[in-house]
């Protein structure tokens, strides 16, 4: 399910909502906020227009994987998002 927000990314950009960081490790250890790693996957919330000769091969609502330091953190209506170039996205997860 995708969220509806009043924001349109610039040409060649996408707005991504990062997935929540893990609260508990696979071994059952609770991870404090200071030790949590920045998530590298999230869902596309909005897509800007395509650049000439550079199609954007993703859809709103699609879960994607991106680089660890990709994008710029922004806050819209109290929610945190990343705005990044579509070329910063490595791929998407199949449903």
PDB file of N, CA and C in Angstrom:
ATOM      1  N   UNK A   1       0.849  -1.170   0.000  1.00  0.00           N
ATOM      2  CA  UNK A   1       0.000   0.000   0.000  1.00  0.00           C
ATOM      3  C   UNK A   1       0.893   1.231   0.000  1.00  0.00           C
ATOM      4  N   UNK A   2       0.673   2.130  -0.918  1.00  0.00           N
ATOM      5  CA  UNK A   2       1.496   3.332  -1.017  1.00  0.00           C
ATOM      6  C   UNK A   2       0.788   4.514  -0.355  1.00  0.00           C
ATOM      7  N   UNK A   3       1.596   5.421   0.180  1.00  0.00           N
ATOM      8  CA  UNK A   3       1.070   6.613   0.833  1.00  0.00           C
ATOM      9  C   UNK A   3       0.827   7.693  -0.207  1.00  0.00           C
ATOM     10  N   UNK A   4      -0.137   8.552   0.059  1.00  0.00           N
ATOM     11  CA  UNK A   4      -0.395   9.702  -0.792  1.00  0.00           C
ATOM     12  C   UNK A   4       0.151  10.939  -0.090  1.00  0.00           C
ATOM     13  N   UNK A   5       1.106  11.605  -0.744  1.00  0.00           N
ATOM     14  CA  UNK A   5       1.636  12.852  -0.195  1.00  0.00           C
ATOM     15  C   UNK A   5       1.611  13.902  -1.288  1.00  0.00           C
ATOM     16  N   UNK A   6       1.670  15.142  -0.872  1.00  0.00           N
ATOM     17  CA  UNK A   6       1.638  16.253  -1.810  1.00  0.00           C
ATOM     18  C   UNK A   6       3.072  16.693  -2.100  1.00  0.00           C
ATOM     19  N   UNK A   7       3.817  15.868  -2.824  1.00  0.00           N
ATOM     20  CA  UNK A   7       5.201  16.160  -3.169  1.00  0.00           C
ATOM     21  C   UNK A   7       5.516  15.503  -4.501  1.00  0.00           C
ATOM     22  N   UNK A   8       6.134  16.240  -5.404  1.00  0.00           N
ATOM     23  CA  UNK A   8       6.517  15.722  -6.717  1.00  0.00           C
ATOM     24  C   UNK A   8       8.024  15.892  -6.864  1.00  0.00           C
ATOM     25  N   UNK A   9       8.791  14.781  -6.929  1.00  0.00           N
ATOM     26  CA  UNK A   9      10.249  14.887  -7.112  1.00  0.00           C
ATOM     27  C   UNK A   9      10.603  15.530  -8.450  1.00  0.00           C
ATOM     28  N   UNK A  10      11.787  16.098  -8.517  1.00  0.00           N
ATOM     29  CA  UNK A  10      12.291  16.709  -9.750  1.00  0.00           C
ATOM     30  C   UNK A  10      12.588  15.614 -10.780  1.00  0.00           C
ATOM     31  N   UNK A  11      12.921  16.033 -11.976  1.00  0.00           N
ATOM     32  CA  UNK A  11      13.205  15.108 -13.074  1.00  0.00           C
ATOM     33  C   UNK A  11      14.322  14.140 -12.683  1.00  0.00           C
ATOM     34  N   UNK A  12      14.074  12.842 -12.869  1.00  0.00           N
ATOM     35  CA  UNK A  12      15.064  11.810 -12.599  1.00  0.00           C
ATOM     36  C   UNK A  12      15.233  11.440 -11.137  1.00  0.00           C
ATOM     37  N   UNK A  13      14.387  11.968 -10.267  1.00  0.00           N
ATOM     38  CA  UNK A  13      14.486  11.706  -8.827  1.00  0.00           C
ATOM     39  C   UNK A  13      13.308  10.868  -8.343  1.00  0.00           C
ATOM     40  N   UNK A  14      13.523  10.173  -7.231  1.00  0.00           N
ATOM     41  CA  UNK A  14      12.460   9.403  -6.586  1.00  0.00           C
ATOM     42  C   UNK A  14      12.446   9.715  -5.094  1.00  0.00           C
ATOM     43  N   UNK A  15      11.284   9.595  -4.477  1.00  0.00           N
ATOM     44  CA  UNK A  15      11.119   9.765  -3.043  1.00  0.00           C
ATOM     45  C   UNK A  15      10.913   8.384  -2.448  1.00  0.00           C
ATOM     46  N   UNK A  16      11.765   8.021  -1.484  1.00  0.00           N
ATOM     47  CA  UNK A  16      11.740   6.680  -0.892  1.00  0.00           C
ATOM     48  C   UNK A  16      11.490   6.792   0.602  1.00  0.00           C
ATOM     49  N   UNK A  17      10.612   5.942   1.118  1.00  0.00           N
ATOM     50  CA  UNK A  17      10.415   5.823   2.557  1.00  0.00           C
ATOM     51  C   UNK A  17      11.263   4.651   3.035  1.00  0.00           C
ATOM     52  N   UNK A  18      12.323   4.925   3.819  1.00  0.00           N
ATOM     53  CA  UNK A  18      13.188   3.835   4.281  1.00  0.00           C
ATOM     54  C   UNK A  18      12.437   2.863   5.176  1.00  0.00           C
ATOM     55  N   UNK A  19      12.816   1.591   5.098  1.00  0.00           N
ATOM     56  CA  UNK A  19      12.264   0.584   6.002  1.00  0.00           C
ATOM     57  C   UNK A  19      12.784   0.859   7.400  1.00  0.00           C
ATOM     58  N   UNK A  20      12.059   0.415   8.396  1.00  0.00           N
ATOM     59  CA  UNK A  20      12.481   0.618   9.784  1.00  0.00           C
ATOM     60  C   UNK A  20      13.725  -0.200  10.086  1.00  0.00           C
ATOM     61  N   UNK A  21      14.617   0.360  10.885  1.00  0.00           N
ATOM     62  CA  UNK A  21      15.830  -0.347  11.308  1.00  0.00           C
ATOM     63  C   UNK A  21      15.441  -1.485  12.245  1.00  0.00           C
ATOM     64  N   UNK A  22      16.233  -2.531  12.250  1.00  0.00           N
ATOM     65  CA  UNK A  22      15.946  -3.678  13.106  1.00  0.00           C
ATOM     66  C   UNK A  22      16.049  -3.285  14.579  1.00  0.00           C
ATOM     67  N   UNK A  23      15.073  -3.726  15.370  1.00  0.00           N
ATOM     68  CA  UNK A  23      15.051  -3.441  16.797  1.00  0.00           C
ATOM     69  C   UNK A  23      15.774  -4.530  17.592  1.00  0.00           C
ATOM     70  N   UNK A  24      15.737  -5.777  17.074  1.00  0.00           N
ATOM     71  CA  UNK A  24      16.327  -6.920  17.762  1.00  0.00           C
ATOM     72  C   UNK A  24      17.165  -7.695  16.754  1.00  0.00           C
ATOM     73  N   UNK A  25      18.364  -8.115  17.160  1.00  0.00           N
ATOM     74  CA  UNK A  25      19.228  -8.889  16.262  1.00  0.00           C
ATOM     75  C   UNK A  25      18.675 -10.301  16.090  1.00  0.00           C
ATOM     76  N   UNK A  26      19.236 -11.040  15.142  1.00  0.00           N
ATOM     77  CA  UNK A  26      18.773 -12.411  14.904  1.00  0.00           C
ATOM     78  C   UNK A  26      19.044 -13.307  16.121  1.00  0.00           C
ATOM     79  N   UNK A  27      19.990 -12.909  16.966  1.00  0.00           N
ATOM     80  CA  UNK A  27      20.290 -13.669  18.175  1.00  0.00           C
ATOM     81  C   UNK A  27      19.438 -13.255  19.363  1.00  0.00           C
ATOM     82  N   UNK A  28      18.549 -12.285  19.188  1.00  0.00           N
ATOM     83  CA  UNK A  28      17.648 -11.863  20.250  1.00  0.00           C
ATOM     84  C   UNK A  28      18.151 -10.685  21.069  1.00  0.00           C
ATOM     85  N   UNK A  29      19.258 -10.075  20.660  1.00  0.00           N
ATOM     86  CA  UNK A  29      19.810  -8.938  21.401  1.00  0.00           C
ATOM     87  C   UNK A  29      19.113  -7.657  20.951  1.00  0.00           C
ATOM     88  N   UNK A  30      18.661  -6.855  21.905  1.00  0.00           N
ATOM     89  CA  UNK A  30      18.012  -5.585  21.593  1.00  0.00           C
ATOM     90  C   UNK A  30      19.075  -4.585  21.157  1.00  0.00           C
ATOM     91  N   UNK A  31      18.853  -3.947  20.014  1.00  0.00           N
ATOM     92  CA  UNK A  31      19.819  -3.005  19.453  1.00  0.00           C
ATOM     93  C   UNK A  31      19.444  -1.585  19.866  1.00  0.00           C
ATOM     94  N   UNK A  32      20.348  -0.858  20.570  1.00  0.00           N
ATOM     95  CA  UNK A  32      20.024   0.521  20.952  1.00  0.00           C
ATOM     96  C   UNK A  32      20.018   1.438  19.727  1.00  0.00           C
ATOM     97  N   UNK A  33      19.326   2.572  19.839  1.00  0.00           N
ATOM     98  CA  UNK A  33      19.215   3.517  18.719  1.00  0.00           C
ATOM     99  C   UNK A  33      20.569   3.956  18.181  1.00  0.00           C
ATOM    100  N   UNK A  34      21.546   4.125  19.050  1.00  0.00           N
ATOM    101  CA  UNK A  34      22.854   4.607  18.617  1.00  0.00           C
ATOM    102  C   UNK A  34      23.626   3.580  17.793  1.00  0.00           C
ATOM    103  N   UNK A  35      23.268   2.315  17.894  1.00  0.00           N
ATOM    104  CA  UNK A  35      23.992   1.260  17.182  1.00  0.00           C
ATOM    105  C   UNK A  35      23.249   0.745  15.952  1.00  0.00           C
ATOM    106  N   UNK A  36      22.055   1.253  15.706  1.00  0.00           N
ATOM    107  CA  UNK A  36      21.275   0.788  14.558  1.00  0.00           C
ATOM    108  C   UNK A  36      21.890   1.277  13.260  1.00  0.00           C
ATOM    109  N   UNK A  37      21.950   0.388  12.284  1.00  0.00           N
ATOM    110  CA  UNK A  37      22.458   0.772  10.975  1.00  0.00           C
ATOM    111  C   UNK A  37      21.351   1.409  10.151  1.00  0.00           C
ATOM    112  N   UNK A  38      21.737   2.352   9.325  1.00  0.00           N
ATOM    113  CA  UNK A  38      20.806   3.006   8.432  1.00  0.00           C
ATOM    114  C   UNK A  38      20.268   1.953   7.449  1.00  0.00           C
ATOM    115  N   UNK A  39      18.945   1.823   7.324  1.00  0.00           N
ATOM    116  CA  UNK A  39      18.410   0.820   6.390  1.00  0.00           C
ATOM    117  C   UNK A  39      18.787   1.148   4.949  1.00  0.00           C
ATOM    118  N   UNK A  40      18.944   0.116   4.132  1.00  0.00           N
ATOM    119  CA  UNK A  40      19.306   0.297   2.735  1.00  0.00           C
ATOM    120  C   UNK A  40      18.203  -0.172   1.808  1.00  0.00           C
ATOM    121  N   UNK A  41      17.014  -0.257   2.333  1.00  0.00           N
ATOM    122  CA  UNK A  41      15.877  -0.600   1.495  1.00  0.00           C
ATOM    123  C   UNK A  41      14.659   0.184   1.948  1.00  0.00           C
ATOM    124  N   UNK A  42      13.741   0.347   1.040  1.00  0.00           N
ATOM    125  CA  UNK A  42      12.547   1.102   1.359  1.00  0.00           C
ATOM    126  C   UNK A  42      11.550   1.015   0.225  1.00  0.00           C
ATOM    127  N   UNK A  43      10.470   1.757   0.340  1.00  0.00           N
ATOM    128  CA  UNK A  43       9.406   1.759  -0.660  1.00  0.00           C
ATOM    129  C   UNK A  43       9.361   3.094  -1.378  1.00  0.00           C
ATOM    130  N   UNK A  44       9.142   3.041  -2.671  1.00  0.00           N
ATOM    131  CA  UNK A  44       9.030   4.263  -3.463  1.00  0.00           C
ATOM    132  C   UNK A  44       7.676   4.903  -3.192  1.00  0.00           C
ATOM    133  N   UNK A  45       7.701   6.179  -2.848  1.00  0.00           N
ATOM    134  CA  UNK A  45       6.491   6.930  -2.529  1.00  0.00           C
ATOM    135  C   UNK A  45       6.064   7.812  -3.706  1.00  0.00           C
ATOM    136  N   UNK A  46       7.042   8.425  -4.386  1.00  0.00           N
ATOM    137  CA  UNK A  46       6.743   9.301  -5.520  1.00  0.00           C
ATOM    138  C   UNK A  46       7.895   9.252  -6.514  1.00  0.00           C
ATOM    139  N   UNK A  47       7.570   9.461  -7.789  1.00  0.00           N
ATOM    140  CA  UNK A  47       8.560   9.429  -8.863  1.00  0.00           C
ATOM    141  C   UNK A  47       8.431  10.691  -9.699  1.00  0.00           C
ATOM    142  N   UNK A  48       9.576  11.326  -9.981  1.00  0.00           N
ATOM    143  CA  UNK A  48       9.593  12.494 -10.857  1.00  0.00           C
ATOM    144  C   UNK A  48       9.541  12.063 -12.317  1.00  0.00           C
ATOM    145  N   UNK A  49       9.464  13.024 -13.199  1.00  0.00           N
ATOM    146  CA  UNK A  49       9.450  12.731 -14.637  1.00  0.00           C
ATOM    147  C   UNK A  49      10.779  12.109 -15.048  1.00  0.00           C
ATOM    148  N   UNK A  50      10.752  11.312 -16.111  1.00  0.00           N
ATOM    149  CA  UNK A  50      11.973  10.675 -16.597  1.00  0.00           C
ATOM    150  C   UNK A  50      12.852  11.675 -17.333  1.00  0.00           C
ATOM    151  N   UNK A  51      14.161  11.462 -17.218  1.00  0.00           N
ATOM    152  CA  UNK A  51      15.094  12.254 -18.008  1.00  0.00           C
ATOM    153  C   UNK A  51      15.048  11.736 -19.440  1.00  0.00           C
ATOM    154  N   UNK A  52      15.373  12.597 -20.369  1.00  0.00           N
ATOM    155  CA  UNK A  52      15.420  12.178 -21.761  1.00  0.00           C
ATOM    156  C   UNK A  52      16.471  11.071 -21.885  1.00  0.00           C
ATOM    157  N   UNK A  53      16.125   9.980 -22.510  1.00  0.00           N
ATOM    158  CA  UNK A  53      16.996   8.818 -22.725  1.00  0.00           C
ATOM    159  C   UNK A  53      17.379   8.079 -21.447  1.00  0.00           C
ATOM    160  N   UNK A  54      16.738   8.353 -20.313  1.00  0.00           N
ATOM    161  CA  UNK A  54      16.996   7.632 -19.065  1.00  0.00           C
ATOM    162  C   UNK A  54      15.668   7.277 -18.400  1.00  0.00           C
ATOM    163  N   UNK A  55      15.062   6.164 -18.796  1.00  0.00           N
ATOM    164  CA  UNK A  55      13.776   5.788 -18.195  1.00  0.00           C
ATOM    165  C   UNK A  55      13.932   5.365 -16.735  1.00  0.00           C
ATOM    166  N   UNK A  56      12.891   5.572 -15.962  1.00  0.00           N
ATOM    167  CA  UNK A  56      12.858   5.121 -14.570  1.00  0.00           C
ATOM    168  C   UNK A  56      12.070   3.813 -14.574  1.00  0.00           C
ATOM    169  N   UNK A  57      12.734   2.731 -14.220  1.00  0.00           N
ATOM    170  CA  UNK A  57      12.137   1.402 -14.328  1.00  0.00           C
ATOM    171  C   UNK A  57      11.497   0.922 -13.031  1.00  0.00           C
ATOM    172  N   UNK A  58      10.998   1.834 -12.225  1.00  0.00           N
ATOM    173  CA  UNK A  58      10.376   1.484 -10.954  1.00  0.00           C
ATOM    174  C   UNK A  58       8.983   2.095 -10.895  1.00  0.00           C
ATOM    175  N   UNK A  59       8.169   1.582  -9.964  1.00  0.00           N
ATOM    176  CA  UNK A  59       6.794   2.066  -9.798  1.00  0.00           C
ATOM    177  C   UNK A  59       6.574   2.489  -8.349  1.00  0.00           C
ATOM    178  N   UNK A  60       5.620   3.353  -8.133  1.00  0.00           N
ATOM    179  CA  UNK A  60       5.239   3.756  -6.785  1.00  0.00           C
ATOM    180  C   UNK A  60       4.771   2.521  -6.025  1.00  0.00           C
ATOM    181  N   UNK A  61       5.233   2.378  -4.794  1.00  0.00           N
ATOM    182  CA  UNK A  61       4.869   1.240  -3.961  1.00  0.00           C
ATOM    183  C   UNK A  61       5.861   0.093  -4.023  1.00  0.00           C
ATOM    184  N   UNK A  62       6.769   0.130  -4.982  1.00  0.00           N
ATOM    185  CA  UNK A  62       7.746  -0.940  -5.156  1.00  0.00           C
ATOM    186  C   UNK A  62       8.819  -0.852  -4.062  1.00  0.00           C
ATOM    187  N   UNK A  63       9.235  -2.008  -3.538  1.00  0.00           N
ATOM    188  CA  UNK A  63      10.290  -2.063  -2.520  1.00  0.00           C
ATOM    189  C   UNK A  63      11.627  -2.158  -3.232  1.00  0.00           C
ATOM    190  N   UNK A  64      12.556  -1.248  -2.884  1.00  0.00           N
ATOM    191  CA  UNK A  64      13.825  -1.153  -3.602  1.00  0.00           C
ATOM    192  C   UNK A  64      15.019  -1.213  -2.647  1.00  0.00           C
ATOM    193  N   UNK A  65      16.183  -1.488  -3.233  1.00  0.00           N
ATOM    194  CA  UNK A  65      17.455  -1.527  -2.527  1.00  0.00           C
ATOM    195  C   UNK A  65      18.321  -0.398  -3.069  1.00  0.00           C
ATOM    196  N   UNK A  66      18.940   0.391  -2.179  1.00  0.00           N
ATOM    197  CA  UNK A  66      19.754   1.520  -2.606  1.00  0.00           C
ATOM    198  C   UNK A  66      21.061   1.547  -1.815  1.00  0.00           C
ATOM    199  N   UNK A  67      21.986   2.390  -2.240  1.00  0.00           N
ATOM    200  CA  UNK A  67      23.297   2.498  -1.602  1.00  0.00           C
ATOM    201  C   UNK A  67      23.213   3.025  -0.179  1.00  0.00           C
ATOM    202  N   UNK A  68      24.199   2.667   0.630  1.00  0.00           N
ATOM    203  CA  UNK A  68      24.215   3.032   2.043  1.00  0.00           C
ATOM    204  C   UNK A  68      24.188   4.540   2.270  1.00  0.00           C
ATOM    205  N   UNK A  69      24.858   5.297   1.427  1.00  0.00           N
ATOM    206  CA  UNK A  69      24.914   6.748   1.601  1.00  0.00           C
ATOM    207  C   UNK A  69      24.154   7.490   0.510  1.00  0.00           C
ATOM    208  N   UNK A  70      23.201   6.831  -0.111  1.00  0.00           N
ATOM    209  CA  UNK A  70      22.414   7.441  -1.190  1.00  0.00           C
ATOM    210  C   UNK A  70      21.356   8.374  -0.634  1.00  0.00           C
ATOM    211  N   UNK A  71      21.054   9.389  -1.397  1.00  0.00           N
ATOM    212  CA  UNK A  71      19.930  10.256  -1.102  1.00  0.00           C
ATOM    213  C   UNK A  71      20.176  11.299  -0.027  1.00  0.00           C
ATOM    214  N   UNK A  72      19.202  12.174   0.082  1.00  0.00           N
ATOM    215  CA  UNK A  72      19.192  13.244   1.076  1.00  0.00           C
ATOM    216  C   UNK A  72      17.972  13.056   1.953  1.00  0.00           C
ATOM    217  N   UNK A  73      18.174  13.074   3.259  1.00  0.00           N
ATOM    218  CA  UNK A  73      17.070  12.895   4.195  1.00  0.00           C
ATOM    219  C   UNK A  73      16.219  14.157   4.243  1.00  0.00           C
ATOM    220  N   UNK A  74      14.904  13.965   4.132  1.00  0.00           N
ATOM    221  CA  UNK A  74      13.966  15.081   4.254  1.00  0.00           C
ATOM    222  C   UNK A  74      12.789  14.636   5.113  1.00  0.00           C
ATOM    223  N   UNK A  75      12.061  15.600   5.646  1.00  0.00           N
ATOM    224  CA  UNK A  75      10.881  15.312   6.447  1.00  0.00           C
ATOM    225  C   UNK A  75       9.687  16.014   5.805  1.00  0.00           C
ATOM    226  N   UNK A  76       8.631  15.258   5.561  1.00  0.00           N
ATOM    227  CA  UNK A  76       7.400  15.808   4.993  1.00  0.00           C
ATOM    228  C   UNK A  76       6.253  15.369   5.893  1.00  0.00           C
ATOM    229  N   UNK A  77       5.505  16.322   6.402  1.00  0.00           N
ATOM    230  CA  UNK A  77       4.371  16.051   7.287  1.00  0.00           C
ATOM    231  C   UNK A  77       4.764  15.164   8.469  1.00  0.00           C
ATOM    232  N   UNK A  78       5.971  15.365   8.997  1.00  0.00           N
ATOM    233  CA  UNK A  78       6.418  14.610  10.157  1.00  0.00           C
ATOM    234  C   UNK A  78       6.965  13.223   9.861  1.00  0.00           C
ATOM    235  N   UNK A  79       6.998  12.829   8.602  1.00  0.00           N
ATOM    236  CA  UNK A  79       7.546  11.524   8.216  1.00  0.00           C
ATOM    237  C   UNK A  79       8.894  11.718   7.532  1.00  0.00           C
ATOM    238  N   UNK A  80       9.815  10.791   7.767  1.00  0.00           N
ATOM    239  CA  UNK A  80      11.150  10.872   7.183  1.00  0.00           C
ATOM    240  C   UNK A  80      11.227  10.102   5.873  1.00  0.00           C
ATOM    241  N   UNK A  81      11.849  10.736   4.876  1.00  0.00           N
ATOM    242  CA  UNK A  81      12.008  10.149   3.547  1.00  0.00           C
ATOM    243  C   UNK A  81      13.411  10.418   3.034  1.00  0.00           C
ATOM    244  N   UNK A  82      13.753   9.758   1.948  1.00  0.00           N
ATOM    245  CA  UNK A  82      14.986  10.031   1.214  1.00  0.00           C
ATOM    246  C   UNK A  82      14.615  10.455  -0.189  1.00  0.00           C
ATOM    247  N   UNK A  83      15.238  11.505  -0.673  1.00  0.00           N
ATOM    248  CA  UNK A  83      15.068  11.895  -2.070  1.00  0.00           C
ATOM    249  C   UNK A  83      16.396  11.563  -2.749  1.00  0.00           C
ATOM    250  N   UNK A  84      16.332  10.820  -3.855  1.00  0.00           N
ATOM    251  CA  UNK A  84      17.562  10.377  -4.509  1.00  0.00           C
ATOM    252  C   UNK A  84      17.354  10.263  -6.004  1.00  0.00           C
ATOM    253  N   UNK A  85      18.462  10.210  -6.702  1.00  0.00           N
ATOM    254  CA  UNK A  85      18.434   9.987  -8.135  1.00  0.00           C
ATOM    255  C   UNK A  85      17.983   8.550  -8.379  1.00  0.00           C
ATOM    256  N   UNK A  86      17.205   8.331  -9.408  1.00  0.00           N
ATOM    257  CA  UNK A  86      16.748   6.981  -9.732  1.00  0.00           C
ATOM    258  C   UNK A  86      17.935   6.060 -10.008  1.00  0.00           C
ATOM    259  N   UNK A  87      19.044   6.612 -10.461  1.00  0.00           N
ATOM    260  CA  UNK A  87      20.230   5.792 -10.748  1.00  0.00           C
ATOM    261  C   UNK A  87      20.926   5.313  -9.468  1.00  0.00           C
ATOM    262  N   UNK A  88      20.563   5.865  -8.290  1.00  0.00           N
ATOM    263  CA  UNK A  88      21.114   5.406  -7.012  1.00  0.00           C
ATOM    264  C   UNK A  88      20.455   4.126  -6.531  1.00  0.00           C
ATOM    265  N   UNK A  89      19.371   3.728  -7.176  1.00  0.00           N
ATOM    266  CA  UNK A  89      18.656   2.507  -6.786  1.00  0.00           C
ATOM    267  C   UNK A  89      19.286   1.329  -7.517  1.00  0.00           C
ATOM    268  N   UNK A  90      19.667   0.308  -6.741  1.00  0.00           N
ATOM    269  CA  UNK A  90      20.318  -0.871  -7.295  1.00  0.00           C
ATOM    270  C   UNK A  90      19.340  -1.853  -7.924  1.00  0.00           C
ATOM    271  N   UNK A  91      18.140  -1.947  -7.360  1.00  0.00           N
ATOM    272  CA  UNK A  91      17.154  -2.899  -7.885  1.00  0.00           C
ATOM    273  C   UNK A  91      15.947  -2.962  -6.981  1.00  0.00           C
ATOM    274  N   UNK A  92      14.988  -3.801  -7.384  1.00  0.00           N
ATOM    275  CA  UNK A  92      13.759  -3.934  -6.602  1.00  0.00           C
ATOM    276  C   UNK A  92      13.543  -5.393  -6.231  1.00  0.00           C
ATOM    277  N   UNK A  93      12.711  -5.590  -5.212  1.00  0.00           N
ATOM    278  CA  UNK A  93      12.364  -6.926  -4.758  1.00  0.00           C
ATOM    279  C   UNK A  93      11.109  -7.393  -5.469  1.00  0.00           C
ATOM    280  N   UNK A  94      11.115  -8.612  -5.947  1.00  0.00           N
ATOM    281  CA  UNK A  94       9.943  -9.159  -6.618  1.00  0.00           C
ATOM    282  C   UNK A  94       8.911  -9.526  -5.579  1.00  0.00           C
ATOM    283  N   UNK A  95       7.653  -9.405  -5.958  1.00  0.00           N
ATOM    284  CA  UNK A  95       6.558  -9.745  -5.028  1.00  0.00           C
ATOM    285  C   UNK A  95       6.225 -11.196  -5.133  1.00  0.00           C
TER     286      UNK A  95
END
